[in-house]
Amino acid sequence: MARTNTEQFEFAHGHKPRGWGQWYLDLHFTDGNGRFSSQTVAATGTLTEARQLAWKRLKAECGGARQLLEVDVLP
């Protein structure tokens, strides 16, 4: 399971992310050949729902995305 990093969000807002809304997530992943990459994706819902939706969208757009390593929650 990939780690969710909320440090940037907490620094900007003064609290942990919570509730329902639009989230901007920076997804760090590898492709089938082990190369690392990242992409910023916007998704709506709770943070858990948005994270899952963002990963599904990314895999559909970038067919090479294989393993999610880390998710940064952006402010």
N, C-alpha and C. Protein backbone atom coordinates (compact mmCIF):
# COMPACT_ATOMS: atom_id res chain seq x y z
N MET A 1 0.83 -1.18 0.00
CA MET A 1 0.00 0.00 0.00
C MET A 1 0.88 1.25 0.00
N ALA A 2 0.49 2.22 -0.79
CA ALA A 2 1.27 3.45 -0.91
C ALA A 2 1.06 4.36 0.30
N ARG A 3 2.10 5.08 0.63
CA ARG A 3 2.07 6.03 1.75
C ARG A 3 1.36 7.31 1.31
N THR A 4 0.52 7.89 2.19
CA THR A 4 -0.12 9.17 1.92
C THR A 4 0.58 10.23 2.77
N ASN A 5 1.20 11.20 2.11
CA ASN A 5 1.95 12.25 2.77
C ASN A 5 1.08 13.51 2.82
N THR A 6 0.75 13.96 4.02
CA THR A 6 -0.11 15.14 4.19
C THR A 6 0.65 16.35 4.73
N GLU A 7 1.97 16.29 4.78
CA GLU A 7 2.77 17.36 5.39
C GLU A 7 2.54 18.72 4.74
N GLN A 8 2.52 18.80 3.41
CA GLN A 8 2.32 20.08 2.73
C GLN A 8 0.94 20.66 3.07
N PHE A 9 -0.08 19.81 3.07
CA PHE A 9 -1.44 20.25 3.37
C PHE A 9 -1.51 20.75 4.81
N GLU A 10 -0.94 19.99 5.74
CA GLU A 10 -0.98 20.37 7.15
C GLU A 10 -0.24 21.68 7.41
N PHE A 11 0.88 21.89 6.73
CA PHE A 11 1.64 23.12 6.90
C PHE A 11 0.83 24.32 6.41
N ALA A 12 0.15 24.17 5.28
CA ALA A 12 -0.60 25.28 4.69
C ALA A 12 -1.91 25.57 5.43
N HIS A 13 -2.58 24.53 5.94
CA HIS A 13 -3.92 24.70 6.53
C HIS A 13 -3.95 24.57 8.05
N GLY A 14 -2.90 24.05 8.64
CA GLY A 14 -2.84 23.94 10.09
C GLY A 14 -3.57 22.75 10.69
N HIS A 15 -4.04 21.83 9.85
CA HIS A 15 -4.71 20.62 10.35
C HIS A 15 -4.62 19.52 9.30
N LYS A 16 -4.91 18.31 9.72
CA LYS A 16 -4.90 17.18 8.79
C LYS A 16 -6.08 17.29 7.82
N PRO A 17 -5.94 16.77 6.61
CA PRO A 17 -7.06 16.81 5.66
C PRO A 17 -8.22 15.97 6.17
N ARG A 18 -9.43 16.49 6.00
CA ARG A 18 -10.60 15.77 6.45
C ARG A 18 -11.82 16.22 5.65
N GLY A 19 -12.83 15.38 5.66
CA GLY A 19 -14.08 15.75 5.02
C GLY A 19 -14.12 15.46 3.54
N TRP A 20 -15.11 16.03 2.91
CA TRP A 20 -15.38 15.82 1.50
C TRP A 20 -15.00 17.09 0.74
N GLY A 21 -14.44 16.93 -0.45
CA GLY A 21 -14.08 18.10 -1.25
C GLY A 21 -13.27 17.71 -2.47
N GLN A 22 -12.70 18.73 -3.09
CA GLN A 22 -11.82 18.50 -4.23
C GLN A 22 -10.39 18.49 -3.72
N TRP A 23 -9.66 17.45 -4.06
CA TRP A 23 -8.29 17.26 -3.59
C TRP A 23 -7.35 17.27 -4.78
N TYR A 24 -6.17 17.84 -4.56
CA TYR A 24 -5.11 17.80 -5.56
C TYR A 24 -4.04 16.88 -5.01
N LEU A 25 -3.76 15.83 -5.75
CA LEU A 25 -2.86 14.78 -5.29
C LEU A 25 -1.71 14.61 -6.28
N ASP A 26 -0.51 14.54 -5.75
CA ASP A 26 0.67 14.26 -6.56
C ASP A 26 0.99 12.78 -6.37
N LEU A 27 0.77 11.99 -7.42
CA LEU A 27 0.95 10.55 -7.36
C LEU A 27 2.34 10.17 -7.86
N HIS A 28 3.08 9.45 -7.05
CA HIS A 28 4.41 8.97 -7.43
C HIS A 28 4.27 7.47 -7.70
N PHE A 29 4.73 7.04 -8.87
CA PHE A 29 4.51 5.65 -9.28
C PHE A 29 5.65 5.15 -10.15
N THR A 30 5.64 3.85 -10.41
CA THR A 30 6.59 3.25 -11.33
C THR A 30 5.84 2.66 -12.51
N ASP A 31 6.56 2.52 -13.61
CA ASP A 31 5.96 1.85 -14.77
C ASP A 31 6.41 0.40 -14.79
N GLY A 32 6.07 -0.32 -15.81
CA GLY A 32 6.41 -1.73 -15.91
C GLY A 32 7.90 -2.01 -15.96
N ASN A 33 8.71 -1.00 -16.33
CA ASN A 33 10.16 -1.18 -16.44
C ASN A 33 10.91 -0.65 -15.22
N GLY A 34 10.19 -0.27 -14.18
CA GLY A 34 10.83 0.20 -12.97
C GLY A 34 11.20 1.67 -12.96
N ARG A 35 10.81 2.42 -13.98
CA ARG A 35 11.11 3.86 -14.01
C ARG A 35 10.12 4.60 -13.13
N PHE A 36 10.62 5.60 -12.40
CA PHE A 36 9.80 6.39 -11.50
C PHE A 36 9.24 7.61 -12.23
N SER A 37 8.03 7.99 -11.86
CA SER A 37 7.40 9.17 -12.43
C SER A 37 6.39 9.72 -11.44
N SER A 38 5.90 10.92 -11.71
CA SER A 38 4.85 11.48 -10.86
C SER A 38 3.93 12.35 -11.71
N GLN A 39 2.72 12.48 -11.24
CA GLN A 39 1.73 13.30 -11.96
C GLN A 39 0.74 13.85 -10.94
N THR A 40 0.32 15.10 -11.15
CA THR A 40 -0.66 15.72 -10.28
C THR A 40 -2.05 15.49 -10.87
N VAL A 41 -2.97 15.04 -10.01
CA VAL A 41 -4.33 14.72 -10.44
C VAL A 41 -5.30 15.36 -9.45
N ALA A 42 -6.41 15.91 -9.96
CA ALA A 42 -7.48 16.44 -9.11
C ALA A 42 -8.60 15.41 -9.05
N ALA A 43 -9.17 15.23 -7.87
CA ALA A 43 -10.27 14.27 -7.70
C ALA A 43 -11.17 14.77 -6.57
N THR A 44 -12.43 14.36 -6.62
CA THR A 44 -13.43 14.81 -5.66
C THR A 44 -13.92 13.65 -4.81
N GLY A 45 -14.24 13.93 -3.55
CA GLY A 45 -14.77 12.94 -2.62
C GLY A 45 -14.05 13.07 -1.29
N THR A 46 -14.15 12.05 -0.46
CA THR A 46 -13.31 12.03 0.74
C THR A 46 -11.88 11.79 0.27
N LEU A 47 -10.92 12.00 1.12
CA LEU A 47 -9.52 11.81 0.71
C LEU A 47 -9.29 10.38 0.24
N THR A 48 -9.85 9.41 0.92
CA THR A 48 -9.69 8.01 0.54
C THR A 48 -10.31 7.75 -0.84
N GLU A 49 -11.53 8.25 -1.05
CA GLU A 49 -12.20 8.06 -2.35
C GLU A 49 -11.45 8.78 -3.46
N ALA A 50 -10.99 10.00 -3.18
CA ALA A 50 -10.28 10.79 -4.18
C ALA A 50 -8.96 10.12 -4.57
N ARG A 51 -8.27 9.56 -3.60
CA ARG A 51 -7.01 8.87 -3.87
C ARG A 51 -7.23 7.67 -4.78
N GLN A 52 -8.27 6.88 -4.49
CA GLN A 52 -8.58 5.72 -5.32
C GLN A 52 -8.99 6.14 -6.74
N LEU A 53 -9.81 7.18 -6.84
CA LEU A 53 -10.26 7.67 -8.13
C LEU A 53 -9.09 8.22 -8.95
N ALA A 54 -8.21 8.97 -8.29
CA ALA A 54 -7.05 9.54 -8.97
C ALA A 54 -6.15 8.44 -9.54
N TRP A 55 -5.92 7.37 -8.77
CA TRP A 55 -5.08 6.26 -9.24
C TRP A 55 -5.73 5.56 -10.43
N LYS A 56 -7.05 5.34 -10.37
CA LYS A 56 -7.75 4.71 -11.49
C LYS A 56 -7.66 5.57 -12.75
N ARG A 57 -7.84 6.88 -12.60
CA ARG A 57 -7.73 7.80 -13.75
C ARG A 57 -6.33 7.78 -14.34
N LEU A 58 -5.33 7.82 -13.45
CA LEU A 58 -3.94 7.82 -13.92
C LEU A 58 -3.61 6.55 -14.69
N LYS A 59 -4.04 5.40 -14.16
CA LYS A 59 -3.77 4.13 -14.86
C LYS A 59 -4.48 4.10 -16.22
N ALA A 60 -5.66 4.68 -16.31
CA ALA A 60 -6.38 4.71 -17.59
C ALA A 60 -5.69 5.63 -18.59
N GLU A 61 -5.17 6.77 -18.13
CA GLU A 61 -4.50 7.73 -19.01
C GLU A 61 -3.10 7.28 -19.39
N CYS A 62 -2.34 6.81 -18.39
CA CYS A 62 -0.96 6.35 -18.60
C CYS A 62 -0.96 4.84 -18.45
N GLY A 63 -1.11 4.15 -19.51
CA GLY A 63 -1.21 2.70 -19.44
C GLY A 63 -0.02 2.03 -18.79
N GLY A 64 1.11 2.75 -18.70
CA GLY A 64 2.31 2.16 -18.13
C GLY A 64 2.39 2.23 -16.61
N ALA A 65 1.48 2.95 -15.96
CA ALA A 65 1.52 3.07 -14.50
C ALA A 65 1.21 1.72 -13.87
N ARG A 66 2.14 1.21 -13.05
CA ARG A 66 1.98 -0.13 -12.49
C ARG A 66 1.85 -0.14 -10.97
N GLN A 67 2.72 0.60 -10.27
CA GLN A 67 2.73 0.53 -8.82
C GLN A 67 2.74 1.93 -8.23
N LEU A 68 1.77 2.21 -7.39
CA LEU A 68 1.69 3.49 -6.70
C LEU A 68 2.60 3.43 -5.48
N LEU A 69 3.51 4.39 -5.37
CA LEU A 69 4.48 4.39 -4.28
C LEU A 69 4.10 5.35 -3.17
N GLU A 70 3.71 6.58 -3.54
CA GLU A 70 3.40 7.60 -2.55
C GLU A 70 2.41 8.58 -3.13
N VAL A 71 1.57 9.14 -2.26
CA VAL A 71 0.60 10.16 -2.66
C VAL A 71 0.84 11.37 -1.76
N ASP A 72 1.13 12.53 -2.39
CA ASP A 72 1.26 13.78 -1.65
C ASP A 72 -0.04 14.55 -1.78
N VAL A 73 -0.63 14.94 -0.65
CA VAL A 73 -1.84 15.75 -0.65
C VAL A 73 -1.38 17.20 -0.73
N LEU A 74 -1.75 17.88 -1.81
CA LEU A 74 -1.29 19.24 -2.03
C LEU A 74 -2.25 20.25 -1.40
N PRO A 75 -1.73 21.41 -0.97
CA PRO A 75 -2.58 22.43 -0.34
C PRO A 75 -3.54 23.09 -1.32
